[in-house]
Protein backbone atom coordinates (compact mmCIF):
# COMPACT_ATOMS: atom_id res chain seq x y z
CA UNK A 1 132.45 97.30 99.22
CA UNK A 2 128.89 98.65 98.05
CA UNK A 3 129.98 99.33 94.10
CA UNK A 4 131.03 103.11 94.05
CA UNK A 5 133.62 105.39 94.50
CA UNK A 6 134.46 108.83 95.08
CA UNK A 7 137.06 109.18 92.12
CA UNK A 8 137.61 113.11 92.94
CA UNK A 9 141.37 114.03 91.71
CA UNK A 10 141.02 116.71 94.11
CA UNK A 11 144.92 117.69 95.58
CA UNK A 12 145.03 114.97 98.43
CA UNK A 13 144.82 112.78 95.61
CA UNK A 14 146.61 114.15 93.05
CA UNK A 15 149.37 114.09 95.67
CA UNK A 16 149.15 110.78 97.01
CA UNK A 17 149.24 109.71 92.68
CA UNK A 18 152.64 111.70 92.87
CA UNK A 19 153.87 109.63 95.29
CA UNK A 20 153.44 106.28 93.01
CA UNK A 21 156.17 107.54 91.16
CA UNK A 22 154.50 106.31 88.48
CA UNK A 23 156.26 105.97 85.02
CA UNK A 24 153.78 106.33 82.13
CA UNK A 25 150.21 108.24 81.93
CA UNK A 26 148.78 106.07 79.56
CA UNK A 27 145.04 107.40 80.69
CA UNK A 28 144.65 110.67 82.46
CA UNK A 29 143.17 109.93 86.09
CA UNK A 30 139.21 109.57 85.96
CA UNK A 31 137.82 112.96 88.11
CA UNK A 32 134.54 112.37 88.50
CA UNK A 33 132.65 112.35 92.05
CA UNK A 34 130.52 109.67 91.52
CA UNK A 35 131.19 106.05 89.91
CA UNK A 36 129.59 102.69 89.96
CA UNK A 37 130.33 99.22 88.97
CA UNK A 38 130.63 98.49 85.36
CA UNK A 39 132.07 102.03 84.95
CA UNK A 40 135.24 103.33 83.66
CA UNK A 41 138.06 103.30 86.44
CA UNK A 42 141.93 104.44 87.09
CA UNK A 43 143.48 101.91 88.21
CA UNK A 44 147.82 101.85 88.91
CA UNK A 45 149.63 98.85 87.68
CA UNK A 46 152.69 97.75 85.99
CA UNK A 47 153.09 96.30 82.34
CA UNK A 48 156.19 95.68 81.09
CA UNK A 49 158.41 96.19 83.92
CA UNK A 50 156.86 99.83 83.61
CA UNK A 51 154.30 101.81 86.64
CA UNK A 52 151.09 103.25 84.43
CA UNK A 53 148.03 104.59 85.45
CA UNK A 54 145.69 102.86 83.00
CA UNK A 55 141.58 103.08 82.76
CA UNK A 56 139.64 100.00 83.08
CA UNK A 57 136.25 98.73 83.46
CA UNK A 58 135.27 98.21 87.63
CA UNK A 59 134.20 94.32 87.02
CA UNK A 60 136.73 91.50 86.38
CA UNK A 61 134.65 88.97 84.24
CA UNK A 62 133.78 90.78 80.73
CA UNK A 63 132.06 88.63 78.08
CA UNK A 64 132.90 89.59 74.18
CA UNK A 65 130.05 90.91 72.69
CA UNK A 66 130.75 91.13 68.41
CA UNK A 67 133.53 93.95 68.56
CA UNK A 68 133.71 94.78 72.14
CA UNK A 69 133.72 93.70 75.66
CA UNK A 70 131.00 93.58 78.52
CA UNK A 71 130.09 92.82 81.72
CA UNK A 72 129.86 89.28 82.38
CA UNK A 73 126.24 88.48 83.81
CA UNK A 74 128.82 87.03 86.99
CA UNK A 75 129.27 90.20 89.79
CA UNK A 76 133.00 91.03 89.94
CA UNK A 77 133.32 93.96 90.68
CA UNK A 78 134.38 92.39 93.99
CA UNK A 79 136.81 90.01 94.95
CA UNK A 80 136.63 88.73 98.14
CA UNK A 81 139.63 87.41 100.22
CA UNK A 82 138.57 83.98 100.77
CA UNK A 83 138.44 83.03 97.44
CA UNK A 84 141.77 84.35 96.45
CA UNK A 85 143.31 81.17 97.18
CA UNK A 86 140.95 79.16 95.36
CA UNK A 87 141.69 77.94 91.90
CA UNK A 88 139.50 77.84 88.71
CA UNK A 89 138.46 81.10 90.53
CA UNK A 90 138.35 84.44 89.18
CA UNK A 91 140.78 85.93 90.89
CA UNK A 92 143.38 83.42 91.73
CA UNK A 93 145.27 84.12 88.38
CA UNK A 94 145.19 87.87 88.29
CA UNK A 95 145.96 87.74 92.66
CA UNK A 96 148.86 86.21 91.13
CA UNK A 97 150.64 87.60 88.27
CA UNK A 98 148.52 91.17 87.52
CA UNK A 99 147.87 92.77 90.90
CA UNK A 100 147.05 96.73 90.76
CA UNK A 101 145.77 99.54 93.29
CA UNK A 102 142.88 102.34 92.57
CA UNK A 103 143.06 105.38 94.12
CA UNK A 104 140.54 107.26 95.42
CA UNK A 105 139.19 109.76 97.49
CA UNK A 106 136.87 107.83 98.96
CA UNK A 107 134.02 104.59 98.82
CA UNK A 108 130.26 104.84 99.32
CA UNK A 109 128.34 101.70 101.39
CA UNK A 110 125.00 100.26 101.44
CA UNK A 111 123.30 98.49 104.14
CA UNK A 112 120.58 96.35 103.07
CA UNK A 113 117.81 94.09 105.31
CA UNK A 114 115.57 91.92 103.37
CA UNK A 115 117.49 93.10 100.25
CA UNK A 116 116.10 96.28 100.77
CA UNK A 117 118.24 99.61 101.13
CA UNK A 118 118.24 100.74 105.19
CA UNK A 119 121.01 103.36 104.61
CA UNK A 120 123.55 104.73 102.47
CA UNK A 121 126.90 106.33 103.62
CA UNK A 122 129.86 107.62 101.89
CA UNK A 123 133.09 107.11 103.71
CA UNK A 124 136.62 109.65 102.53
CA UNK A 125 140.06 109.92 103.87
CA UNK A 126 140.59 112.23 106.40
CA UNK A 127 143.23 113.90 104.04
CA UNK A 128 144.61 112.76 101.01
CA UNK A 129 143.19 109.51 99.36
CA UNK A 130 142.54 106.15 99.82
CA UNK A 131 144.71 103.20 97.98
CA UNK A 132 142.80 99.79 97.29
CA UNK A 133 144.31 96.37 96.45
CA UNK A 134 142.83 95.70 93.63
CA UNK A 135 143.28 92.62 90.62
CA UNK A 136 143.36 93.81 86.77
CA UNK A 137 142.83 91.18 84.13
CA UNK A 138 143.47 92.40 80.59
CA UNK A 139 140.80 90.69 77.10
CA UNK A 140 141.84 90.52 73.61
CA UNK A 141 139.43 90.92 71.08
CA UNK A 142 139.56 87.51 68.90
CA UNK A 143 138.53 89.65 65.87
CA UNK A 144 140.47 92.87 66.47
CA UNK A 145 143.65 92.16 68.69
CA UNK A 146 142.38 95.16 70.75
CA UNK A 147 142.97 95.22 74.55
CA UNK A 148 140.57 95.92 77.09
CA UNK A 149 141.49 95.57 80.65
CA UNK A 150 138.77 95.02 83.36
CA UNK A 151 139.27 95.33 87.50
CA UNK A 152 138.34 94.56 90.66
CA UNK A 153 138.84 95.66 94.19
CA UNK A 154 139.76 92.96 96.95
CA UNK A 155 137.15 92.98 99.35
CA UNK A 156 137.87 91.94 103.57
CA UNK A 157 135.51 90.76 106.21
CA UNK A 158 133.62 93.51 107.96
CA UNK A 159 135.84 95.74 110.26
CA UNK A 160 134.18 95.91 114.08
CA UNK A 161 134.51 99.76 113.33
CA UNK A 162 132.40 100.04 110.05
CA UNK A 163 129.73 97.25 111.40
CA UNK A 164 127.02 100.16 111.76
CA UNK A 165 127.64 101.18 108.72
CA UNK A 166 128.21 97.59 106.23
CA UNK A 167 127.73 94.69 108.08
CA UNK A 168 129.08 92.26 105.38
CA UNK A 169 132.21 93.48 103.99
CA UNK A 170 134.86 96.13 103.60
CA UNK A 171 137.62 96.93 100.86
CA UNK A 172 140.85 96.22 101.24
CA UNK A 173 141.96 99.69 102.02
CA UNK A 174 146.63 99.84 101.53
CA UNK A 175 149.20 101.52 104.33
CA UNK A 176 150.66 104.41 102.31
CA UNK A 177 154.00 102.63 102.36
CA UNK A 178 156.23 102.84 99.77
CA UNK A 179 157.90 99.10 100.11
CA UNK A 180 154.50 97.74 100.43
CA UNK A 181 152.96 99.25 97.15
CA UNK A 182 156.62 98.28 95.11
CA UNK A 183 156.05 94.79 95.99
CA UNK A 184 151.86 94.74 95.77
CA UNK A 185 153.09 95.86 92.44
CA UNK A 186 155.43 93.74 91.43
CA UNK A 187 154.53 90.71 88.71
CA UNK A 188 157.38 89.08 89.67
CA UNK A 189 156.51 88.94 92.90
CA UNK A 190 153.87 85.40 93.15
CA UNK A 191 154.54 84.46 96.29
CA UNK A 192 151.21 85.97 97.78
CA UNK A 193 151.78 84.32 101.25
CA UNK A 194 153.58 87.44 102.10
CA UNK A 195 150.17 89.38 101.60
CA UNK A 196 148.20 87.29 104.20
CA UNK A 197 148.54 90.22 106.72
CA UNK A 198 146.93 92.40 104.46
CA UNK A 199 143.79 90.06 103.94
CA UNK A 200 143.18 90.73 108.07
CA UNK A 201 140.40 93.31 108.61
CA UNK A 202 142.50 96.96 108.75
CA UNK A 203 141.84 100.33 108.63
CA UNK A 204 145.72 102.52 108.07
CA UNK A 205 144.25 105.66 108.53
CA UNK A 206 141.69 108.17 109.82
CA UNK A 207 138.75 108.03 107.72
CA UNK A 208 135.32 110.51 107.74
CA UNK A 209 131.76 108.71 107.17
CA UNK A 210 128.29 110.40 106.46
CA UNK A 211 124.93 109.40 106.05
CA UNK A 212 123.83 110.30 102.48
CA UNK A 213 120.78 110.63 101.07
CA UNK A 214 121.02 108.16 97.78
CA UNK A 215 124.12 107.43 95.87
CA UNK A 216 123.60 109.15 92.93
CA UNK A 217 123.15 112.67 94.80
CA UNK A 218 125.18 112.12 97.71
CA UNK A 219 123.33 114.64 99.78
CA UNK A 220 125.01 114.44 103.31
CA UNK A 221 122.05 113.69 105.92
CA UNK A 222 124.53 113.08 109.23
CA UNK A 223 127.03 114.66 111.13
CA UNK A 224 131.07 113.72 110.16
CA UNK A 225 131.51 110.49 111.85
CA UNK A 226 135.87 110.08 112.31
CA UNK A 227 136.58 106.30 112.12
CA UNK A 228 140.23 106.45 113.30
CA UNK A 229 142.96 104.53 112.15
CA UNK A 230 143.76 100.79 113.86
């Protein structure tokens, strides 16, 4: 997961949001083709037993600077699956207390060799949208009392069907099953052992992959590749 989303709010993504039975829209869902790490993204989470849409900084660890928060020097737009059960790790408490989901049209991957990019890909749902499993954290400004929310995407080990695109990791794509989503967002559900099966690399829906020229211009330079669900 290389730090970019396609957050286009098209009819398919809108339909997916509708299926989530959201109680409150605190912030209107993002409608943006290119969202990069440390930008604002839309998340769905439960606050005070109410399922809400809320905007968050896509960088889990924040530092306070005077009257505002800024991304920490420690990279944290992703949280590795093998760190979720490590006490004192950045995502340990959030995994147990404030899981969230991020609804997107697609995501981007960049393959590096010797610290140089060798190709860029955009991957999106064949139809509808994708639900990414994430973590959220609230930060209280010590001077003003205002709350800033941050988030990260959980990443898994690479999947055989995606290794030619990105050889190091893949995002956690949650199956679009209402009971599973309910369990994931339930802040009272602290038995994370129930989610162990989700931390095994899995593709729950058909995806379409394109090689692109650059992340910011996202011009397709290859034919579409269908990546079938497992």
